[in-house]
Amino acid sequence: MAIGKLDLVKIIAQKLSITQKESSDFLNAFIETIEEKLIEGDKVRLVGFGTFLTRKRESREGRKPSTGEKIIIPASIAPAFKPGKRLKEKLNS
């Protein structure tokens, strides 16, 4: 089951005994900060949880599934997440 942003806002508000508005403001600021840092080319490392980073994808040849026609997939920058040791341990315990 997936939870959405509103669910996270409610959970954070309950855990911190703050309003949902304050929780929403915090979550939005957190997400915006990570986005800004990734755009600047930085990594965001949260010790024990994981690292948000970007990976450069080179252009490559692909095929259209419907026709089999060869196409060139342009180079791009993709966001990535590398889980930290503590998070991996918690998931596997």
N, C-alpha and C. Protein backbone atom coordinates (compact mmCIF):
# COMPACT_ATOMS: atom_id res chain seq x y z
N MET A 1 0.84 -1.18 0.00
CA MET A 1 0.00 0.00 0.00
C MET A 1 0.89 1.25 0.00
N ALA A 2 0.53 2.19 -0.79
CA ALA A 2 1.28 3.45 -0.85
C ALA A 2 0.54 4.51 -0.05
N ILE A 3 1.31 5.37 0.59
CA ILE A 3 0.69 6.50 1.28
C ILE A 3 1.07 7.77 0.52
N GLY A 4 0.19 8.74 0.57
CA GLY A 4 0.42 9.98 -0.16
C GLY A 4 0.91 11.10 0.74
N LYS A 5 1.09 12.24 0.13
CA LYS A 5 1.60 13.41 0.84
C LYS A 5 0.68 13.82 1.99
N LEU A 6 -0.62 13.78 1.75
CA LEU A 6 -1.57 14.15 2.81
C LEU A 6 -1.47 13.21 4.00
N ASP A 7 -1.27 11.92 3.70
CA ASP A 7 -1.08 10.95 4.78
C ASP A 7 0.17 11.28 5.60
N LEU A 8 1.25 11.62 4.91
CA LEU A 8 2.48 12.00 5.60
C LEU A 8 2.27 13.24 6.47
N VAL A 9 1.55 14.21 5.93
CA VAL A 9 1.27 15.43 6.69
C VAL A 9 0.54 15.09 7.99
N LYS A 10 -0.46 14.24 7.91
CA LYS A 10 -1.22 13.85 9.10
C LYS A 10 -0.35 13.10 10.11
N ILE A 11 0.48 12.18 9.62
CA ILE A 11 1.35 11.40 10.50
C ILE A 11 2.36 12.30 11.21
N ILE A 12 2.98 13.21 10.45
CA ILE A 12 3.96 14.13 11.04
C ILE A 12 3.29 15.02 12.08
N ALA A 13 2.10 15.53 11.75
CA ALA A 13 1.37 16.40 12.69
C ALA A 13 1.10 15.67 14.00
N GLN A 14 0.68 14.41 13.92
CA GLN A 14 0.40 13.63 15.12
C GLN A 14 1.68 13.37 15.92
N LYS A 15 2.75 12.97 15.24
CA LYS A 15 4.00 12.63 15.93
C LYS A 15 4.62 13.83 16.62
N LEU A 16 4.48 15.02 16.02
CA LEU A 16 5.10 16.22 16.59
C LEU A 16 4.12 17.08 17.37
N SER A 17 2.87 16.67 17.45
CA SER A 17 1.82 17.45 18.13
C SER A 17 1.77 18.88 17.60
N ILE A 18 1.73 18.98 16.27
CA ILE A 18 1.60 20.28 15.61
C ILE A 18 0.38 20.22 14.71
N THR A 19 0.01 21.37 14.15
CA THR A 19 -1.14 21.41 13.25
C THR A 19 -0.78 20.79 11.91
N GLN A 20 -1.80 20.41 11.17
CA GLN A 20 -1.55 19.87 9.84
C GLN A 20 -0.98 20.94 8.92
N LYS A 21 -1.34 22.19 9.14
CA LYS A 21 -0.80 23.31 8.35
C LYS A 21 0.71 23.42 8.59
N GLU A 22 1.13 23.36 9.86
CA GLU A 22 2.55 23.43 10.17
C GLU A 22 3.29 22.23 9.59
N SER A 23 2.68 21.07 9.69
CA SER A 23 3.26 19.85 9.16
C SER A 23 3.40 19.95 7.63
N SER A 24 2.38 20.46 6.98
CA SER A 24 2.41 20.63 5.53
C SER A 24 3.50 21.61 5.12
N ASP A 25 3.61 22.72 5.85
CA ASP A 25 4.66 23.71 5.57
C ASP A 25 6.05 23.08 5.71
N PHE A 26 6.23 22.29 6.78
CA PHE A 26 7.51 21.61 6.99
C PHE A 26 7.83 20.66 5.84
N LEU A 27 6.86 19.81 5.49
CA LEU A 27 7.09 18.81 4.45
C LEU A 27 7.38 19.49 3.11
N ASN A 28 6.63 20.54 2.78
CA ASN A 28 6.87 21.27 1.53
C ASN A 28 8.26 21.88 1.51
N ALA A 29 8.69 22.48 2.63
CA ALA A 29 10.02 23.08 2.70
C ALA A 29 11.10 22.01 2.57
N PHE A 30 10.89 20.86 3.19
CA PHE A 30 11.84 19.74 3.12
C PHE A 30 12.00 19.27 1.67
N ILE A 31 10.88 19.06 1.00
CA ILE A 31 10.91 18.59 -0.39
C ILE A 31 11.55 19.63 -1.30
N GLU A 32 11.17 20.90 -1.14
CA GLU A 32 11.73 21.97 -1.97
C GLU A 32 13.24 22.08 -1.78
N THR A 33 13.70 21.93 -0.55
CA THR A 33 15.13 22.02 -0.27
C THR A 33 15.89 20.89 -0.95
N ILE A 34 15.36 19.70 -0.89
CA ILE A 34 16.01 18.56 -1.56
C ILE A 34 16.04 18.80 -3.07
N GLU A 35 14.93 19.26 -3.63
CA GLU A 35 14.88 19.55 -5.07
C GLU A 35 15.92 20.59 -5.45
N GLU A 36 15.99 21.68 -4.68
CA GLU A 36 16.94 22.75 -4.98
C GLU A 36 18.38 22.24 -4.95
N LYS A 37 18.72 21.46 -3.94
CA LYS A 37 20.08 20.95 -3.80
C LYS A 37 20.43 19.98 -4.93
N LEU A 38 19.48 19.13 -5.34
CA LEU A 38 19.73 18.22 -6.45
C LEU A 38 19.94 18.99 -7.75
N ILE A 39 19.13 20.04 -7.97
CA ILE A 39 19.27 20.87 -9.16
C ILE A 39 20.65 21.54 -9.18
N GLU A 40 21.16 21.92 -8.01
CA GLU A 40 22.48 22.54 -7.90
C GLU A 40 23.61 21.52 -8.07
N GLY A 41 23.25 20.24 -8.13
CA GLY A 41 24.25 19.20 -8.31
C GLY A 41 24.78 18.61 -7.02
N ASP A 42 24.17 18.97 -5.89
CA ASP A 42 24.59 18.45 -4.59
C ASP A 42 23.89 17.12 -4.29
N LYS A 43 24.47 16.38 -3.35
CA LYS A 43 23.82 15.21 -2.77
C LYS A 43 23.23 15.65 -1.44
N VAL A 44 22.13 15.03 -1.04
CA VAL A 44 21.53 15.29 0.26
C VAL A 44 21.63 13.99 1.05
N ARG A 45 22.51 14.00 2.07
CA ARG A 45 22.78 12.78 2.84
C ARG A 45 22.13 12.90 4.21
N LEU A 46 21.24 11.98 4.52
CA LEU A 46 20.60 11.89 5.83
C LEU A 46 21.15 10.62 6.47
N VAL A 47 22.12 10.80 7.37
CA VAL A 47 22.85 9.68 7.96
C VAL A 47 21.88 8.65 8.54
N GLY A 48 22.07 7.40 8.16
CA GLY A 48 21.23 6.31 8.64
C GLY A 48 20.00 6.08 7.77
N PHE A 49 19.50 7.12 7.13
CA PHE A 49 18.31 6.98 6.29
C PHE A 49 18.69 6.72 4.84
N GLY A 50 19.50 7.62 4.27
CA GLY A 50 19.92 7.44 2.89
C GLY A 50 20.37 8.74 2.25
N THR A 51 20.69 8.65 0.97
CA THR A 51 21.21 9.78 0.23
C THR A 51 20.38 10.01 -1.03
N PHE A 52 19.95 11.25 -1.23
CA PHE A 52 19.29 11.66 -2.46
C PHE A 52 20.40 12.18 -3.37
N LEU A 53 20.40 11.74 -4.62
CA LEU A 53 21.45 12.16 -5.55
C LEU A 53 20.91 12.13 -6.97
N THR A 54 21.73 12.57 -7.91
CA THR A 54 21.35 12.52 -9.31
C THR A 54 22.32 11.62 -10.05
N ARG A 55 21.83 11.02 -11.11
CA ARG A 55 22.66 10.19 -11.98
C ARG A 55 22.47 10.65 -13.41
N LYS A 56 23.58 10.80 -14.10
CA LYS A 56 23.52 11.22 -15.50
C LYS A 56 23.33 9.99 -16.38
N ARG A 57 22.36 10.06 -17.24
CA ARG A 57 22.11 9.00 -18.21
C ARG A 57 22.56 9.49 -19.58
N GLU A 58 23.43 8.74 -20.21
CA GLU A 58 23.91 9.09 -21.55
C GLU A 58 22.79 8.81 -22.56
N SER A 59 22.88 9.46 -23.72
CA SER A 59 21.90 9.16 -24.76
C SER A 59 22.15 7.73 -25.24
N ARG A 60 21.09 7.09 -25.69
CA ARG A 60 21.22 5.71 -26.11
C ARG A 60 20.16 5.39 -27.17
N GLU A 61 20.38 4.28 -27.82
CA GLU A 61 19.45 3.84 -28.84
C GLU A 61 18.36 2.98 -28.19
N GLY A 62 17.16 3.18 -28.62
CA GLY A 62 16.04 2.38 -28.13
C GLY A 62 15.12 2.02 -29.28
N ARG A 63 14.01 1.42 -28.96
CA ARG A 63 13.02 1.05 -29.98
C ARG A 63 11.62 1.41 -29.50
N LYS A 64 10.80 1.87 -30.44
CA LYS A 64 9.40 2.11 -30.13
C LYS A 64 8.73 0.76 -29.98
N PRO A 65 8.07 0.52 -28.84
CA PRO A 65 7.44 -0.79 -28.63
C PRO A 65 6.38 -1.14 -29.68
N SER A 66 5.65 -0.14 -30.13
CA SER A 66 4.54 -0.42 -31.05
C SER A 66 4.99 -0.76 -32.46
N THR A 67 6.11 -0.15 -32.91
CA THR A 67 6.54 -0.35 -34.30
C THR A 67 7.89 -1.04 -34.43
N GLY A 68 8.67 -1.05 -33.37
CA GLY A 68 10.01 -1.62 -33.44
C GLY A 68 11.02 -0.67 -34.06
N GLU A 69 10.58 0.53 -34.42
CA GLU A 69 11.45 1.54 -35.05
C GLU A 69 12.54 1.99 -34.07
N LYS A 70 13.76 2.14 -34.59
CA LYS A 70 14.87 2.61 -33.76
C LYS A 70 14.71 4.10 -33.47
N ILE A 71 14.96 4.49 -32.24
CA ILE A 71 14.92 5.90 -31.85
C ILE A 71 16.13 6.19 -30.97
N ILE A 72 16.46 7.45 -30.85
CA ILE A 72 17.53 7.88 -29.95
C ILE A 72 16.86 8.46 -28.70
N ILE A 73 17.20 7.89 -27.56
CA ILE A 73 16.70 8.40 -26.28
C ILE A 73 17.72 9.42 -25.80
N PRO A 74 17.31 10.68 -25.61
CA PRO A 74 18.27 11.73 -25.26
C PRO A 74 18.87 11.55 -23.87
N ALA A 75 20.04 12.15 -23.67
CA ALA A 75 20.69 12.14 -22.36
C ALA A 75 19.79 12.86 -21.37
N SER A 76 19.87 12.45 -20.11
CA SER A 76 19.05 13.09 -19.08
C SER A 76 19.72 12.93 -17.72
N ILE A 77 19.20 13.67 -16.78
CA ILE A 77 19.64 13.56 -15.39
C ILE A 77 18.46 13.00 -14.62
N ALA A 78 18.70 11.90 -13.88
CA ALA A 78 17.62 11.23 -13.16
C ALA A 78 17.88 11.30 -11.66
N PRO A 79 16.84 11.59 -10.87
CA PRO A 79 17.00 11.55 -9.42
C PRO A 79 17.13 10.10 -8.95
N ALA A 80 17.85 9.91 -7.86
CA ALA A 80 18.03 8.56 -7.31
C ALA A 80 18.07 8.65 -5.79
N PHE A 81 17.84 7.52 -5.16
CA PHE A 81 17.92 7.42 -3.71
C PHE A 81 18.71 6.18 -3.36
N LYS A 82 19.71 6.34 -2.52
CA LYS A 82 20.51 5.21 -2.06
C LYS A 82 20.23 5.05 -0.57
N PRO A 83 19.59 3.94 -0.17
CA PRO A 83 19.25 3.77 1.24
C PRO A 83 20.49 3.62 2.12
N GLY A 84 20.38 4.12 3.34
CA GLY A 84 21.46 4.02 4.31
C GLY A 84 21.45 2.68 5.02
N LYS A 85 22.52 2.41 5.74
CA LYS A 85 22.69 1.13 6.43
C LYS A 85 21.56 0.87 7.43
N ARG A 86 21.24 1.86 8.26
CA ARG A 86 20.21 1.66 9.28
C ARG A 86 18.85 1.35 8.65
N LEU A 87 18.50 2.07 7.58
CA LEU A 87 17.24 1.82 6.89
C LEU A 87 17.21 0.41 6.31
N LYS A 88 18.30 -0.01 5.68
CA LYS A 88 18.38 -1.37 5.14
C LYS A 88 18.20 -2.40 6.23
N GLU A 89 18.85 -2.18 7.38
CA GLU A 89 18.74 -3.11 8.51
C GLU A 89 17.31 -3.19 9.02
N LYS A 90 16.64 -2.05 9.14
CA LYS A 90 15.26 -2.04 9.63
C LYS A 90 14.33 -2.77 8.66
N LEU A 91 14.56 -2.60 7.36
CA LEU A 91 13.71 -3.27 6.38
C LEU A 91 13.92 -4.78 6.37
N ASN A 92 15.10 -5.21 6.76
CA ASN A 92 15.42 -6.63 6.70
C ASN A 92 15.44 -7.33 8.06
N SER A 93 14.84 -6.69 9.06
CA SER A 93 14.83 -7.34 10.38
C SER A 93 13.47 -7.94 10.68
